[in-house]
Amino acid sequence: MTTQDLINAGFECSAGILLWMNVIKLYKDKVLRGVAITPTLVFTLWGYWNLYYYPHLNQTLSFLAGILVTIANTTWVVLAIHYYKKGKNNAVRQSFPTC
């Protein structure tokens, strides 16, 4: 463990906790409005890269904290896609009411 690993892990862990706040908010609201999925998808892919990259730098703490970030981002993206599709289906149903 190096000072750099400890500091980076602190940032990663803080980010992970804050990202879980977004996941909980989206789960409770069950609607996606005013937010694009693409940026979080890019950060999710970057998180998976970090999970590959950190061990090569011998940054164990950053790797462990990166797991928190990556799982939070992955969960948010999955929920966002789910609620986006569900919202589109509801919009279609509302446009074409059935008798």
PDB file of N, CA and C in Angstrom:
ATOM      1  N   MET A   1       0.849  -1.180   0.000  1.00  0.00           N
ATOM      2  CA  MET A   1       0.000   0.000   0.000  1.00  0.00           C
ATOM      3  C   MET A   1       0.893   1.240   0.000  1.00  0.00           C
ATOM      4  N   THR A   2       0.577   2.136  -0.915  1.00  0.00           N
ATOM      5  CA  THR A   2       1.315   3.390  -0.999  1.00  0.00           C
ATOM      6  C   THR A   2       0.398   4.540  -0.610  1.00  0.00           C
ATOM      7  N   THR A   3       0.988   5.691  -0.397  1.00  0.00           N
ATOM      8  CA  THR A   3       0.189   6.884  -0.102  1.00  0.00           C
ATOM      9  C   THR A   3      -0.740   7.191  -1.270  1.00  0.00           C
ATOM     10  N   GLN A   4      -0.232   7.033  -2.495  1.00  0.00           N
ATOM     11  CA  GLN A   4      -1.043   7.300  -3.684  1.00  0.00           C
ATOM     12  C   GLN A   4      -2.241   6.351  -3.754  1.00  0.00           C
ATOM     13  N   ASP A   5      -2.018   5.087  -3.426  1.00  0.00           N
ATOM     14  CA  ASP A   5      -3.105   4.110  -3.430  1.00  0.00           C
ATOM     15  C   ASP A   5      -4.141   4.475  -2.371  1.00  0.00           C
ATOM     16  N   LEU A   6      -3.681   4.867  -1.200  1.00  0.00           N
ATOM     17  CA  LEU A   6      -4.590   5.233  -0.117  1.00  0.00           C
ATOM     18  C   LEU A   6      -5.431   6.453  -0.483  1.00  0.00           C
ATOM     19  N   ILE A   7      -4.814   7.467  -1.057  1.00  0.00           N
ATOM     20  CA  ILE A   7      -5.539   8.676  -1.458  1.00  0.00           C
ATOM     21  C   ILE A   7      -6.526   8.364  -2.578  1.00  0.00           C
ATOM     22  N   ASN A   8      -6.076   7.635  -3.588  1.00  0.00           N
ATOM     23  CA  ASN A   8      -6.951   7.281  -4.705  1.00  0.00           C
ATOM     24  C   ASN A   8      -8.126   6.433  -4.225  1.00  0.00           C
ATOM     25  N   ALA A   9      -7.853   5.488  -3.337  1.00  0.00           N
ATOM     26  CA  ALA A   9      -8.915   4.641  -2.794  1.00  0.00           C
ATOM     27  C   ALA A   9      -9.927   5.483  -2.023  1.00  0.00           C
ATOM     28  N   GLY A  10      -9.462   6.511  -1.334  1.00  0.00           N
ATOM     29  CA  GLY A  10     -10.367   7.407  -0.621  1.00  0.00           C
ATOM     30  C   GLY A  10     -11.312   8.117  -1.576  1.00  0.00           C
ATOM     31  N   PHE A  11     -10.759   8.600  -2.696  1.00  0.00           N
ATOM     32  CA  PHE A  11     -11.610   9.239  -3.708  1.00  0.00           C
ATOM     33  C   PHE A  11     -12.587   8.229  -4.309  1.00  0.00           C
ATOM     34  N   GLU A  12     -12.088   7.051  -4.627  1.00  0.00           N
ATOM     35  CA  GLU A  12     -12.952   6.013  -5.221  1.00  0.00           C
ATOM     36  C   GLU A  12     -14.070   5.621  -4.254  1.00  0.00           C
ATOM     37  N   CYS A  13     -13.727   5.454  -3.001  1.00  0.00           N
ATOM     38  CA  CYS A  13     -14.718   5.046  -2.005  1.00  0.00           C
ATOM     39  C   CYS A  13     -15.767   6.149  -1.815  1.00  0.00           C
ATOM     40  N   SER A  14     -15.331   7.383  -1.736  1.00  0.00           N
ATOM     41  CA  SER A  14     -16.260   8.514  -1.625  1.00  0.00           C
ATOM     42  C   SER A  14     -17.186   8.562  -2.832  1.00  0.00           C
ATOM     43  N   ALA A  15     -16.615   8.389  -4.016  1.00  0.00           N
ATOM     44  CA  ALA A  15     -17.421   8.381  -5.239  1.00  0.00           C
ATOM     45  C   ALA A  15     -18.427   7.246  -5.208  1.00  0.00           C
ATOM     46  N   GLY A  16     -17.998   6.080  -4.763  1.00  0.00           N
ATOM     47  CA  GLY A  16     -18.897   4.933  -4.697  1.00  0.00           C
ATOM     48  C   GLY A  16     -20.090   5.183  -3.790  1.00  0.00           C
ATOM     49  N   ILE A  17     -19.840   5.776  -2.637  1.00  0.00           N
ATOM     50  CA  ILE A  17     -20.921   6.086  -1.701  1.00  0.00           C
ATOM     51  C   ILE A  17     -21.895   7.091  -2.329  1.00  0.00           C
ATOM     52  N   LEU A  18     -21.351   8.136  -2.949  1.00  0.00           N
ATOM     53  CA  LEU A  18     -22.208   9.138  -3.593  1.00  0.00           C
ATOM     54  C   LEU A  18     -22.990   8.549  -4.761  1.00  0.00           C
ATOM     55  N   LEU A  19     -22.367   7.660  -5.516  1.00  0.00           N
ATOM     56  CA  LEU A  19     -23.058   7.030  -6.642  1.00  0.00           C
ATOM     57  C   LEU A  19     -24.217   6.162  -6.161  1.00  0.00           C
ATOM     58  N   TRP A  20     -24.046   5.495  -5.031  1.00  0.00           N
ATOM     59  CA  TRP A  20     -25.140   4.689  -4.495  1.00  0.00           C
ATOM     60  C   TRP A  20     -26.333   5.560  -4.116  1.00  0.00           C
ATOM     61  N   MET A  21     -26.080   6.826  -3.769  1.00  0.00           N
ATOM     62  CA  MET A  21     -27.183   7.754  -3.516  1.00  0.00           C
ATOM     63  C   MET A  21     -28.005   7.936  -4.789  1.00  0.00           C
ATOM     64  N   ASN A  22     -27.336   8.013  -5.946  1.00  0.00           N
ATOM     65  CA  ASN A  22     -28.041   8.119  -7.228  1.00  0.00           C
ATOM     66  C   ASN A  22     -28.847   6.862  -7.527  1.00  0.00           C
ATOM     67  N   VAL A  23     -28.269   5.711  -7.224  1.00  0.00           N
ATOM     68  CA  VAL A  23     -28.966   4.443  -7.465  1.00  0.00           C
ATOM     69  C   VAL A  23     -30.242   4.387  -6.633  1.00  0.00           C
ATOM     70  N   ILE A  24     -30.138   4.720  -5.360  1.00  0.00           N
ATOM     71  CA  ILE A  24     -31.304   4.684  -4.469  1.00  0.00           C
ATOM     72  C   ILE A  24     -32.377   5.669  -4.935  1.00  0.00           C
ATOM     73  N   LYS A  25     -31.965   6.858  -5.333  1.00  0.00           N
ATOM     74  CA  LYS A  25     -32.913   7.879  -5.812  1.00  0.00           C
ATOM     75  C   LYS A  25     -33.650   7.400  -7.062  1.00  0.00           C
ATOM     76  N   LEU A  26     -32.907   6.839  -8.013  1.00  0.00           N
ATOM     77  CA  LEU A  26     -33.533   6.335  -9.234  1.00  0.00           C
ATOM     78  C   LEU A  26     -34.480   5.184  -8.921  1.00  0.00           C
ATOM     79  N   TYR A  27     -34.072   4.297  -8.026  1.00  0.00           N
ATOM     80  CA  TYR A  27     -34.912   3.158  -7.657  1.00  0.00           C
ATOM     81  C   TYR A  27     -36.218   3.626  -7.020  1.00  0.00           C
ATOM     82  N   LYS A  28     -36.133   4.629  -6.157  1.00  0.00           N
ATOM     83  CA  LYS A  28     -37.347   5.146  -5.499  1.00  0.00           C
ATOM     84  C   LYS A  28     -38.251   5.887  -6.481  1.00  0.00           C
ATOM     85  N   ASP A  29     -37.645   6.716  -7.355  1.00  0.00           N
ATOM     86  CA  ASP A  29     -38.432   7.503  -8.307  1.00  0.00           C
ATOM     87  C   ASP A  29     -39.018   6.656  -9.432  1.00  0.00           C
ATOM     88  N   LYS A  30     -38.275   5.643  -9.837  1.00  0.00           N
ATOM     89  CA  LYS A  30     -38.690   4.741 -10.916  1.00  0.00           C
ATOM     90  C   LYS A  30     -38.977   5.475 -12.230  1.00  0.00           C
ATOM     91  N   VAL A  31     -38.298   6.598 -12.427  1.00  0.00           N
ATOM     92  CA  VAL A  31     -38.450   7.352 -13.660  1.00  0.00           C
ATOM     93  C   VAL A  31     -37.114   8.037 -13.963  1.00  0.00           C
ATOM     94  N   LEU A  32     -36.807   8.102 -15.245  1.00  0.00           N
ATOM     95  CA  LEU A  32     -35.560   8.716 -15.690  1.00  0.00           C
ATOM     96  C   LEU A  32     -35.914   9.967 -16.480  1.00  0.00           C
ATOM     97  N   ARG A  33     -35.577  11.128 -15.922  1.00  0.00           N
ATOM     98  CA  ARG A  33     -35.892  12.388 -16.596  1.00  0.00           C
ATOM     99  C   ARG A  33     -34.734  13.356 -16.426  1.00  0.00           C
ATOM    100  N   GLY A  34     -34.386  14.010 -17.528  1.00  0.00           N
ATOM    101  CA  GLY A  34     -33.370  15.051 -17.481  1.00  0.00           C
ATOM    102  C   GLY A  34     -31.953  14.556 -17.317  1.00  0.00           C
ATOM    103  N   VAL A  35     -31.746  13.271 -17.524  1.00  0.00           N
ATOM    104  CA  VAL A  35     -30.422  12.686 -17.356  1.00  0.00           C
ATOM    105  C   VAL A  35     -30.136  11.772 -18.544  1.00  0.00           C
ATOM    106  N   ALA A  36     -28.938  11.872 -19.080  1.00  0.00           N
ATOM    107  CA  ALA A  36     -28.528  10.988 -20.166  1.00  0.00           C
ATOM    108  C   ALA A  36     -27.816   9.763 -19.584  1.00  0.00           C
ATOM    109  N   ILE A  37     -28.081   8.623 -20.149  1.00  0.00           N
ATOM    110  CA  ILE A  37     -27.461   7.378 -19.696  1.00  0.00           C
ATOM    111  C   ILE A  37     -26.001   7.297 -20.143  1.00  0.00           C
ATOM    112  N   THR A  38     -25.683   7.849 -21.297  1.00  0.00           N
ATOM    113  CA  THR A  38     -24.373   7.675 -21.914  1.00  0.00           C
ATOM    114  C   THR A  38     -23.194   8.064 -21.017  1.00  0.00           C
ATOM    115  N   PRO A  39     -23.201   9.215 -20.342  1.00  0.00           N
ATOM    116  CA  PRO A  39     -22.042   9.543 -19.503  1.00  0.00           C
ATOM    117  C   PRO A  39     -21.775   8.502 -18.415  1.00  0.00           C
ATOM    118  N   THR A  40     -22.824   8.045 -17.755  1.00  0.00           N
ATOM    119  CA  THR A  40     -22.623   7.048 -16.704  1.00  0.00           C
ATOM    120  C   THR A  40     -22.181   5.723 -17.301  1.00  0.00           C
ATOM    121  N   LEU A  41     -22.645   5.404 -18.496  1.00  0.00           N
ATOM    122  CA  LEU A  41     -22.186   4.194 -19.172  1.00  0.00           C
ATOM    123  C   LEU A  41     -20.688   4.268 -19.439  1.00  0.00           C
ATOM    124  N   VAL A  42     -20.198   5.422 -19.881  1.00  0.00           N
ATOM    125  CA  VAL A  42     -18.760   5.601 -20.127  1.00  0.00           C
ATOM    126  C   VAL A  42     -17.980   5.445 -18.822  1.00  0.00           C
ATOM    127  N   PHE A  43     -18.459   6.062 -17.748  1.00  0.00           N
ATOM    128  CA  PHE A  43     -17.769   5.938 -16.463  1.00  0.00           C
ATOM    129  C   PHE A  43     -17.827   4.502 -15.937  1.00  0.00           C
ATOM    130  N   THR A  44     -18.884   3.789 -16.272  1.00  0.00           N
ATOM    131  CA  THR A  44     -18.979   2.380 -15.887  1.00  0.00           C
ATOM    132  C   THR A  44     -17.907   1.565 -16.601  1.00  0.00           C
ATOM    133  N   LEU A  45     -17.769   1.801 -17.897  1.00  0.00           N
ATOM    134  CA  LEU A  45     -16.725   1.093 -18.653  1.00  0.00           C
ATOM    135  C   LEU A  45     -15.336   1.439 -18.129  1.00  0.00           C
ATOM    136  N   TRP A  46     -15.139   2.700 -17.780  1.00  0.00           N
ATOM    137  CA  TRP A  46     -13.873   3.116 -17.195  1.00  0.00           C
ATOM    138  C   TRP A  46     -13.641   2.377 -15.872  1.00  0.00           C
ATOM    139  N   GLY A  47     -14.707   2.187 -15.094  1.00  0.00           N
ATOM    140  CA  GLY A  47     -14.599   1.443 -13.838  1.00  0.00           C
ATOM    141  C   GLY A  47     -14.139   0.012 -14.063  1.00  0.00           C
ATOM    142  N   TYR A  48     -14.694  -0.634 -15.098  1.00  0.00           N
ATOM    143  CA  TYR A  48     -14.248  -2.002 -15.409  1.00  0.00           C
ATOM    144  C   TYR A  48     -12.779  -2.004 -15.832  1.00  0.00           C
ATOM    145  N   TRP A  49     -12.383  -0.985 -16.591  1.00  0.00           N
ATOM    146  CA  TRP A  49     -10.967  -0.865 -16.966  1.00  0.00           C
ATOM    147  C   TRP A  49     -10.116  -0.741 -15.702  1.00  0.00           C
ATOM    148  N   ASN A  50     -10.551   0.093 -14.755  1.00  0.00           N
ATOM    149  CA  ASN A  50      -9.791   0.275 -13.518  1.00  0.00           C
ATOM    150  C   ASN A  50      -9.642  -1.027 -12.746  1.00  0.00           C
ATOM    151  N   LEU A  51     -10.671  -1.861 -12.771  1.00  0.00           N
ATOM    152  CA  LEU A  51     -10.579  -3.142 -12.077  1.00  0.00           C
ATOM    153  C   LEU A  51      -9.528  -4.047 -12.711  1.00  0.00           C
ATOM    154  N   TYR A  52      -9.273  -3.852 -13.972  1.00  0.00           N
ATOM    155  CA  TYR A  52      -8.190  -4.573 -14.651  1.00  0.00           C
ATOM    156  C   TYR A  52      -6.849  -3.889 -14.390  1.00  0.00           C
ATOM    157  N   TYR A  53      -6.862  -2.554 -14.396  1.00  0.00           N
ATOM    158  CA  TYR A  53      -5.639  -1.762 -14.371  1.00  0.00           C
ATOM    159  C   TYR A  53      -5.003  -1.653 -12.981  1.00  0.00           C
ATOM    160  N   TYR A  54      -5.809  -1.448 -11.949  1.00  0.00           N
ATOM    161  CA  TYR A  54      -5.267  -1.247 -10.605  1.00  0.00           C
ATOM    162  C   TYR A  54      -4.370  -2.382 -10.120  1.00  0.00           C
ATOM    163  N   PRO A  55      -4.725  -3.640 -10.352  1.00  0.00           N
ATOM    164  CA  PRO A  55      -3.808  -4.703  -9.915  1.00  0.00           C
ATOM    165  C   PRO A  55      -2.425  -4.614 -10.585  1.00  0.00           C
ATOM    166  N   HIS A  56      -2.385  -4.132 -11.818  1.00  0.00           N
ATOM    167  CA  HIS A  56      -1.099  -3.983 -12.497  1.00  0.00           C
ATOM    168  C   HIS A  56      -0.249  -2.885 -11.872  1.00  0.00           C
ATOM    169  N   LEU A  57      -0.901  -1.969 -11.168  1.00  0.00           N
ATOM    170  CA  LEU A  57      -0.188  -0.902 -10.465  1.00  0.00           C
ATOM    171  C   LEU A  57       0.065  -1.267  -9.000  1.00  0.00           C
ATOM    172  N   ASN A  58      -0.362  -2.475  -8.626  1.00  0.00           N
ATOM    173  CA  ASN A  58      -0.289  -2.925  -7.231  1.00  0.00           C
ATOM    174  C   ASN A  58      -1.050  -1.978  -6.299  1.00  0.00           C
ATOM    175  N   GLN A  59      -2.192  -1.493  -6.760  1.00  0.00           N
ATOM    176  CA  GLN A  59      -3.034  -0.612  -5.954  1.00  0.00           C
ATOM    177  C   GLN A  59      -4.251  -1.393  -5.466  1.00  0.00           C
ATOM    178  N   THR A  60      -4.037  -2.168  -4.431  1.00  0.00           N
ATOM    179  CA  THR A  60      -5.066  -3.054  -3.906  1.00  0.00           C
ATOM    180  C   THR A  60      -6.254  -2.286  -3.336  1.00  0.00           C
ATOM    181  N   LEU A  61      -5.979  -1.223  -2.575  1.00  0.00           N
ATOM    182  CA  LEU A  61      -7.083  -0.458  -1.981  1.00  0.00           C
ATOM    183  C   LEU A  61      -7.912   0.239  -3.057  1.00  0.00           C
ATOM    184  N   SER A  62      -7.244   0.768  -4.076  1.00  0.00           N
ATOM    185  CA  SER A  62      -7.971   1.399  -5.182  1.00  0.00           C
ATOM    186  C   SER A  62      -8.824   0.371  -5.904  1.00  0.00           C
ATOM    187  N   PHE A  63      -8.302  -0.828  -6.073  1.00  0.00           N
ATOM    188  CA  PHE A  63      -9.056  -1.907  -6.709  1.00  0.00           C
ATOM    189  C   PHE A  63     -10.327  -2.213  -5.916  1.00  0.00           C
ATOM    190  N   LEU A  64     -10.179  -2.366  -4.599  1.00  0.00           N
ATOM    191  CA  LEU A  64     -11.336  -2.701  -3.765  1.00  0.00           C
ATOM    192  C   LEU A  64     -12.368  -1.577  -3.773  1.00  0.00           C
ATOM    193  N   ALA A  65     -11.909  -0.339  -3.675  1.00  0.00           N
ATOM    194  CA  ALA A  65     -12.839   0.794  -3.725  1.00  0.00           C
ATOM    195  C   ALA A  65     -13.450   0.915  -5.120  1.00  0.00           C
ATOM    196  N   GLY A  66     -12.685   0.568  -6.152  1.00  0.00           N
ATOM    197  CA  GLY A  66     -13.182   0.605  -7.523  1.00  0.00           C
ATOM    198  C   GLY A  66     -14.333  -0.358  -7.745  1.00  0.00           C
ATOM    199  N   ILE A  67     -14.332  -1.457  -7.009  1.00  0.00           N
ATOM    200  CA  ILE A  67     -15.445  -2.402  -7.092  1.00  0.00           C
ATOM    201  C   ILE A  67     -16.746  -1.707  -6.688  1.00  0.00           C
ATOM    202  N   LEU A  68     -16.687  -0.916  -5.604  1.00  0.00           N
ATOM    203  CA  LEU A  68     -17.862  -0.178  -5.135  1.00  0.00           C
ATOM    204  C   LEU A  68     -18.378   0.768  -6.210  1.00  0.00           C
ATOM    205  N   VAL A  69     -17.477   1.508  -6.837  1.00  0.00           N
ATOM    206  CA  VAL A  69     -17.852   2.463  -7.891  1.00  0.00           C
ATOM    207  C   VAL A  69     -18.450   1.733  -9.085  1.00  0.00           C
ATOM    208  N   THR A  70     -17.801   0.673  -9.512  1.00  0.00           N
ATOM    209  CA  THR A  70     -18.228  -0.041 -10.715  1.00  0.00           C
ATOM    210  C   THR A  70     -19.581  -0.717 -10.522  1.00  0.00           C
ATOM    211  N   ILE A  71     -19.789  -1.306  -9.372  1.00  0.00           N
ATOM    212  CA  ILE A  71     -21.080  -1.943  -9.115  1.00  0.00           C
ATOM    213  C   ILE A  71     -22.186  -0.893  -9.039  1.00  0.00           C
ATOM    214  N   ALA A  72     -21.907   0.242  -8.398  1.00  0.00           N
ATOM    215  CA  ALA A  72     -22.910   1.311  -8.311  1.00  0.00           C
ATOM    216  C   ALA A  72     -23.268   1.826  -9.701  1.00  0.00           C
ATOM    217  N   ASN A  73     -22.259   2.110 -10.514  1.00  0.00           N
ATOM    218  CA  ASN A  73     -22.525   2.606 -11.870  1.00  0.00           C
ATOM    219  C   ASN A  73     -23.262   1.571 -12.709  1.00  0.00           C
ATOM    220  N   THR A  74     -22.858   0.327 -12.606  1.00  0.00           N
ATOM    221  CA  THR A  74     -23.523  -0.746 -13.365  1.00  0.00           C
ATOM    222  C   THR A  74     -24.989  -0.848 -12.959  1.00  0.00           C
ATOM    223  N   THR A  75     -25.242  -0.808 -11.661  1.00  0.00           N
ATOM    224  CA  THR A  75     -26.613  -0.890 -11.162  1.00  0.00           C
ATOM    225  C   THR A  75     -27.448   0.278 -11.671  1.00  0.00           C
ATOM    226  N   TRP A  76     -26.864   1.492 -11.622  1.00  0.00           N
ATOM    227  CA  TRP A  76     -27.588   2.677 -12.093  1.00  0.00           C
ATOM    228  C   TRP A  76     -27.923   2.558 -13.573  1.00  0.00           C
ATOM    229  N   VAL A  77     -26.961   2.125 -14.386  1.00  0.00           N
ATOM    230  CA  VAL A  77     -27.193   2.004 -15.834  1.00  0.00           C
ATOM    231  C   VAL A  77     -28.287   0.977 -16.113  1.00  0.00           C
ATOM    232  N   VAL A  78     -28.243  -0.151 -15.428  1.00  0.00           N
ATOM    233  CA  VAL A  78     -29.269  -1.181 -15.632  1.00  0.00           C
ATOM    234  C   VAL A  78     -30.648  -0.634 -15.252  1.00  0.00           C
ATOM    235  N   LEU A  79     -30.740   0.028 -14.108  1.00  0.00           N
ATOM    236  CA  LEU A  79     -32.021   0.617 -13.697  1.00  0.00           C
ATOM    237  C   LEU A  79     -32.477   1.696 -14.675  1.00  0.00           C
ATOM    238  N   ALA A  80     -31.548   2.540 -15.117  1.00  0.00           N
ATOM    239  CA  ALA A  80     -31.896   3.620 -16.047  1.00  0.00           C
ATOM    240  C   ALA A  80     -32.449   3.056 -17.349  1.00  0.00           C
ATOM    241  N   ILE A  81     -31.814   2.033 -17.884  1.00  0.00           N
ATOM    242  CA  ILE A  81     -32.306   1.411 -19.118  1.00  0.00           C
ATOM    243  C   ILE A  81     -33.686   0.796 -18.880  1.00  0.00           C
ATOM    244  N   HIS A  82     -33.822   0.123 -17.753  1.00  0.00           N
ATOM    245  CA  HIS A  82     -35.116  -0.504 -17.423  1.00  0.00           C
ATOM    246  C   HIS A  82     -36.234   0.531 -17.345  1.00  0.00           C
ATOM    247  N   TYR A  83     -36.009   1.600 -16.595  1.00  0.00           N
ATOM    248  CA  TYR A  83     -37.049   2.618 -16.433  1.00  0.00           C
ATOM    249  C   TYR A  83     -37.265   3.418 -17.715  1.00  0.00           C
ATOM    250  N   TYR A  84     -36.221   3.592 -18.501  1.00  0.00           N
ATOM    251  CA  TYR A  84     -36.360   4.267 -19.794  1.00  0.00           C
ATOM    252  C   TYR A  84     -37.279   3.458 -20.706  1.00  0.00           C
ATOM    253  N   LYS A  85     -37.010   2.158 -20.809  1.00  0.00           N
ATOM    254  CA  LYS A  85     -37.855   1.295 -21.642  1.00  0.00           C
ATOM    255  C   LYS A  85     -39.278   1.232 -21.110  1.00  0.00           C
ATOM    256  N   LYS A  86     -39.410   1.140 -19.810  1.00  0.00           N
ATOM    257  CA  LYS A  86     -40.734   1.091 -19.193  1.00  0.00           C
ATOM    258  C   LYS A  86     -41.489   2.385 -19.466  1.00  0.00           C
ATOM    259  N   GLY A  87     -40.809   3.518 -19.388  1.00  0.00           N
ATOM    260  CA  GLY A  87     -41.428   4.810 -19.670  1.00  0.00           C
ATOM    261  C   GLY A  87     -41.875   4.933 -21.112  1.00  0.00           C
ATOM    262  N   LYS A  88     -41.058   4.429 -22.040  1.00  0.00           N
ATOM    263  CA  LYS A  88     -41.442   4.460 -23.452  1.00  0.00           C
ATOM    264  C   LYS A  88     -42.669   3.592 -23.676  1.00  0.00           C
ATOM    265  N   ASN A  89     -42.718   2.432 -23.039  1.00  0.00           N
ATOM    266  CA  ASN A  89     -43.875   1.553 -23.182  1.00  0.00           C
ATOM    267  C   ASN A  89     -45.125   2.208 -22.617  1.00  0.00           C
ATOM    268  N   ASN A  90     -44.991   2.885 -21.476  1.00  0.00           N
ATOM    269  CA  ASN A  90     -46.147   3.571 -20.890  1.00  0.00           C
ATOM    270  C   ASN A  90     -46.612   4.707 -21.784  1.00  0.00           C
ATOM    271  N   ALA A  91     -45.675   5.428 -22.402  1.00  0.00           N
ATOM    272  CA  ALA A  91     -46.039   6.527 -23.303  1.00  0.00           C
ATOM    273  C   ALA A  91     -46.806   5.990 -24.512  1.00  0.00           C
ATOM    274  N   VAL A  92     -46.371   4.855 -25.019  1.00  0.00           N
ATOM    275  CA  VAL A  92     -47.066   4.245 -26.154  1.00  0.00           C
ATOM    276  C   VAL A  92     -48.452   3.797 -25.733  1.00  0.00           C
ATOM    277  N   ARG A  93     -48.582   3.195 -24.567  1.00  0.00           N
ATOM    278  CA  ARG A  93     -49.887   2.747 -24.084  1.00  0.00           C
ATOM    279  C   ARG A  93     -50.829   3.929 -23.865  1.00  0.00           C
ATOM    280  N   GLN A  94     -50.296   5.034 -23.362  1.00  0.00           N
ATOM    281  CA  GLN A  94     -51.126   6.200 -23.130  1.00  0.00           C
ATOM    282  C   GLN A  94     -51.568   6.824 -24.446  1.00  0.00           C
ATOM    283  N   SER A  95     -50.727   6.738 -25.478  1.00  0.00           N
ATOM    284  CA  SER A  95     -51.079   7.304 -26.782  1.00  0.00           C
ATOM    285  C   SER A  95     -52.145   6.474 -27.487  1.00  0.00           C
ATOM    286  N   PHE A  96     -52.146   5.191 -27.226  1.00  0.00           N
ATOM    287  CA  PHE A  96     -53.080   4.294 -27.885  1.00  0.00           C
ATOM    288  C   PHE A  96     -53.869   3.515 -26.834  1.00  0.00           C
ATOM    289  N   PRO A  97     -54.848   4.147 -26.216  1.00  0.00           N
ATOM    290  CA  PRO A  97     -55.610   3.459 -25.175  1.00  0.00           C
ATOM    291  C   PRO A  97     -56.393   2.287 -25.769  1.00  0.00           C
ATOM    292  N   THR A  98     -56.526   1.260 -24.960  1.00  0.00           N
ATOM    293  CA  THR A  98     -57.295   0.114 -25.396  1.00  0.00           C
ATOM    294  C   THR A  98     -58.676   0.185 -24.756  1.00  0.00           C
ATOM    295  N   CYS A  99     -59.649  -0.382 -25.463  1.00  0.00           N
ATOM    296  CA  CYS A  99     -61.041  -0.370 -24.962  1.00  0.00           C
ATOM    297  C   CYS A  99     -61.361  -1.645 -24.251  1.00  0.00           C
TER     298      CYS A  99
END
